[in-house]
Amino acid sequence: MKKIKITQVKSGIDRSERQKQTLIALGLKKMNASKEVEATPQILGMVRKVEHLLKVEDI
């Protein structure tokens, strides 16, 4: 399976509770935190919901 690197570039402060929980589910808790994850349909759906807060790179 393909891997992607996601980096949080904007704060989750003043966002909806759903978006905050999505960031936590992706494993991102702080600004500029990065995580390498498998590009499953579930992960890609979560990334799509908060893509305005993230930077996504292919590995």
N, C-alpha and C. Protein backbone atom coordinates (compact mmCIF):
# COMPACT_ATOMS: atom_id res chain seq x y z
N MET A 1 0.85 -1.18 0.00
CA MET A 1 0.00 0.00 0.00
C MET A 1 0.89 1.24 0.00
N LYS A 2 0.44 2.28 -0.67
CA LYS A 2 1.17 3.53 -0.77
C LYS A 2 1.16 4.26 0.58
N LYS A 3 2.25 4.97 0.87
CA LYS A 3 2.33 5.74 2.11
C LYS A 3 2.32 7.23 1.78
N ILE A 4 1.77 8.02 2.71
CA ILE A 4 1.79 9.46 2.57
C ILE A 4 2.32 10.06 3.87
N LYS A 5 2.90 11.25 3.76
CA LYS A 5 3.37 11.98 4.94
C LYS A 5 2.45 13.18 5.11
N ILE A 6 1.84 13.29 6.28
CA ILE A 6 0.95 14.41 6.56
C ILE A 6 1.58 15.28 7.64
N THR A 7 1.52 16.58 7.44
CA THR A 7 2.08 17.55 8.37
C THR A 7 1.02 18.59 8.69
N GLN A 8 0.81 18.85 9.96
CA GLN A 8 -0.16 19.88 10.37
C GLN A 8 0.50 21.24 10.24
N VAL A 9 -0.07 22.11 9.39
CA VAL A 9 0.51 23.44 9.15
C VAL A 9 -0.36 24.57 9.72
N LYS A 10 -1.60 24.28 10.09
CA LYS A 10 -2.47 25.28 10.71
C LYS A 10 -3.04 24.71 12.00
N SER A 11 -3.39 25.59 12.89
CA SER A 11 -3.86 25.20 14.21
C SER A 11 -5.28 24.66 14.17
N GLY A 12 -5.58 23.77 15.11
CA GLY A 12 -6.93 23.25 15.27
C GLY A 12 -7.79 24.12 16.17
N ILE A 13 -7.18 25.17 16.73
CA ILE A 13 -7.93 26.08 17.60
C ILE A 13 -8.99 26.80 16.78
N ASP A 14 -10.15 26.99 17.35
CA ASP A 14 -11.28 27.68 16.72
C ASP A 14 -11.82 26.89 15.52
N ARG A 15 -11.66 25.58 15.53
CA ARG A 15 -12.24 24.69 14.53
C ARG A 15 -13.34 23.88 15.20
N SER A 16 -14.15 23.23 14.38
CA SER A 16 -15.22 22.43 14.95
C SER A 16 -14.64 21.23 15.72
N GLU A 17 -15.41 20.71 16.65
CA GLU A 17 -14.97 19.57 17.45
C GLU A 17 -14.66 18.37 16.55
N ARG A 18 -15.43 18.20 15.50
CA ARG A 18 -15.22 17.09 14.57
C ARG A 18 -13.85 17.19 13.90
N GLN A 19 -13.45 18.40 13.50
CA GLN A 19 -12.15 18.57 12.87
C GLN A 19 -11.02 18.35 13.87
N LYS A 20 -11.20 18.79 15.11
CA LYS A 20 -10.19 18.55 16.15
C LYS A 20 -10.01 17.06 16.39
N GLN A 21 -11.12 16.33 16.46
CA GLN A 21 -11.06 14.88 16.68
C GLN A 21 -10.42 14.16 15.50
N THR A 22 -10.65 14.66 14.29
CA THR A 22 -10.04 14.07 13.10
C THR A 22 -8.53 14.23 13.14
N LEU A 23 -8.05 15.40 13.54
CA LEU A 23 -6.60 15.62 13.67
C LEU A 23 -6.00 14.65 14.69
N ILE A 24 -6.67 14.47 15.81
CA ILE A 24 -6.19 13.54 16.83
C ILE A 24 -6.18 12.11 16.30
N ALA A 25 -7.22 11.74 15.56
CA ALA A 25 -7.30 10.39 14.99
C ALA A 25 -6.18 10.15 13.98
N LEU A 26 -5.75 11.20 13.31
CA LEU A 26 -4.63 11.07 12.36
C LEU A 26 -3.29 11.04 13.09
N GLY A 27 -3.28 11.31 14.39
CA GLY A 27 -2.05 11.28 15.17
C GLY A 27 -1.33 12.60 15.23
N LEU A 28 -2.03 13.69 14.91
CA LEU A 28 -1.42 15.02 14.92
C LEU A 28 -1.95 15.81 16.11
N LYS A 29 -1.05 16.20 17.01
CA LYS A 29 -1.47 16.90 18.21
C LYS A 29 -0.91 18.30 18.30
N LYS A 30 0.16 18.60 17.56
CA LYS A 30 0.81 19.90 17.64
C LYS A 30 1.08 20.44 16.25
N MET A 31 1.32 21.73 16.18
CA MET A 31 1.70 22.35 14.92
C MET A 31 3.02 21.77 14.42
N ASN A 32 3.15 21.62 13.12
CA ASN A 32 4.34 21.09 12.45
C ASN A 32 4.64 19.64 12.81
N ALA A 33 3.69 18.95 13.42
CA ALA A 33 3.85 17.52 13.69
C ALA A 33 3.64 16.76 12.39
N SER A 34 4.47 15.75 12.14
CA SER A 34 4.36 14.95 10.92
C SER A 34 4.12 13.50 11.28
N LYS A 35 3.48 12.81 10.36
CA LYS A 35 3.18 11.40 10.56
C LYS A 35 3.17 10.72 9.19
N GLU A 36 3.77 9.54 9.11
CA GLU A 36 3.71 8.73 7.89
C GLU A 36 2.64 7.67 8.09
N VAL A 37 1.67 7.63 7.17
CA VAL A 37 0.55 6.70 7.30
C VAL A 37 0.30 6.01 5.97
N GLU A 38 -0.35 4.86 6.04
CA GLU A 38 -0.78 4.15 4.84
C GLU A 38 -1.92 4.93 4.18
N ALA A 39 -1.95 4.95 2.86
CA ALA A 39 -2.98 5.70 2.13
C ALA A 39 -4.20 4.82 1.90
N THR A 40 -4.88 4.44 2.99
CA THR A 40 -6.11 3.66 2.88
C THR A 40 -7.27 4.60 2.59
N PRO A 41 -8.38 4.09 2.09
CA PRO A 41 -9.54 4.95 1.85
C PRO A 41 -10.02 5.68 3.11
N GLN A 42 -9.92 5.03 4.27
CA GLN A 42 -10.35 5.66 5.51
C GLN A 42 -9.46 6.85 5.86
N ILE A 43 -8.16 6.68 5.75
CA ILE A 43 -7.21 7.76 6.05
C ILE A 43 -7.38 8.89 5.05
N LEU A 44 -7.52 8.57 3.77
CA LEU A 44 -7.68 9.61 2.76
C LEU A 44 -8.97 10.41 2.98
N GLY A 45 -10.01 9.76 3.47
CA GLY A 45 -11.25 10.46 3.79
C GLY A 45 -11.06 11.43 4.95
N MET A 46 -10.30 11.02 5.97
CA MET A 46 -10.02 11.92 7.09
C MET A 46 -9.17 13.09 6.64
N VAL A 47 -8.17 12.82 5.81
CA VAL A 47 -7.30 13.88 5.29
C VAL A 47 -8.13 14.88 4.49
N ARG A 48 -9.06 14.40 3.70
CA ARG A 48 -9.90 15.28 2.88
C ARG A 48 -10.74 16.22 3.75
N LYS A 49 -11.17 15.75 4.92
CA LYS A 49 -11.99 16.57 5.81
C LYS A 49 -11.22 17.73 6.44
N VAL A 50 -9.92 17.56 6.61
CA VAL A 50 -9.11 18.62 7.26
C VAL A 50 -7.93 19.04 6.37
N GLU A 51 -8.07 18.91 5.06
CA GLU A 51 -6.95 19.19 4.17
C GLU A 51 -6.52 20.66 4.21
N HIS A 52 -7.40 21.56 4.65
CA HIS A 52 -7.04 22.97 4.77
C HIS A 52 -6.10 23.22 5.94
N LEU A 53 -5.91 22.23 6.81
CA LEU A 53 -5.01 22.35 7.95
C LEU A 53 -3.72 21.57 7.76
N LEU A 54 -3.62 20.82 6.66
CA LEU A 54 -2.51 19.88 6.47
C LEU A 54 -1.72 20.15 5.21
N LYS A 55 -0.50 19.61 5.18
CA LYS A 55 0.30 19.51 3.98
C LYS A 55 0.50 18.01 3.75
N VAL A 56 0.20 17.53 2.56
CA VAL A 56 0.26 16.10 2.27
C VAL A 56 1.31 15.85 1.20
N GLU A 57 2.20 14.88 1.46
CA GLU A 57 3.26 14.52 0.51
C GLU A 57 3.24 13.02 0.27
N ASP A 58 3.50 12.61 -0.97
CA ASP A 58 3.66 11.19 -1.27
C ASP A 58 5.05 10.75 -0.86
N ILE A 59 5.16 9.50 -0.45
CA ILE A 59 6.48 8.93 -0.09
C ILE A 59 6.84 7.87 -1.11
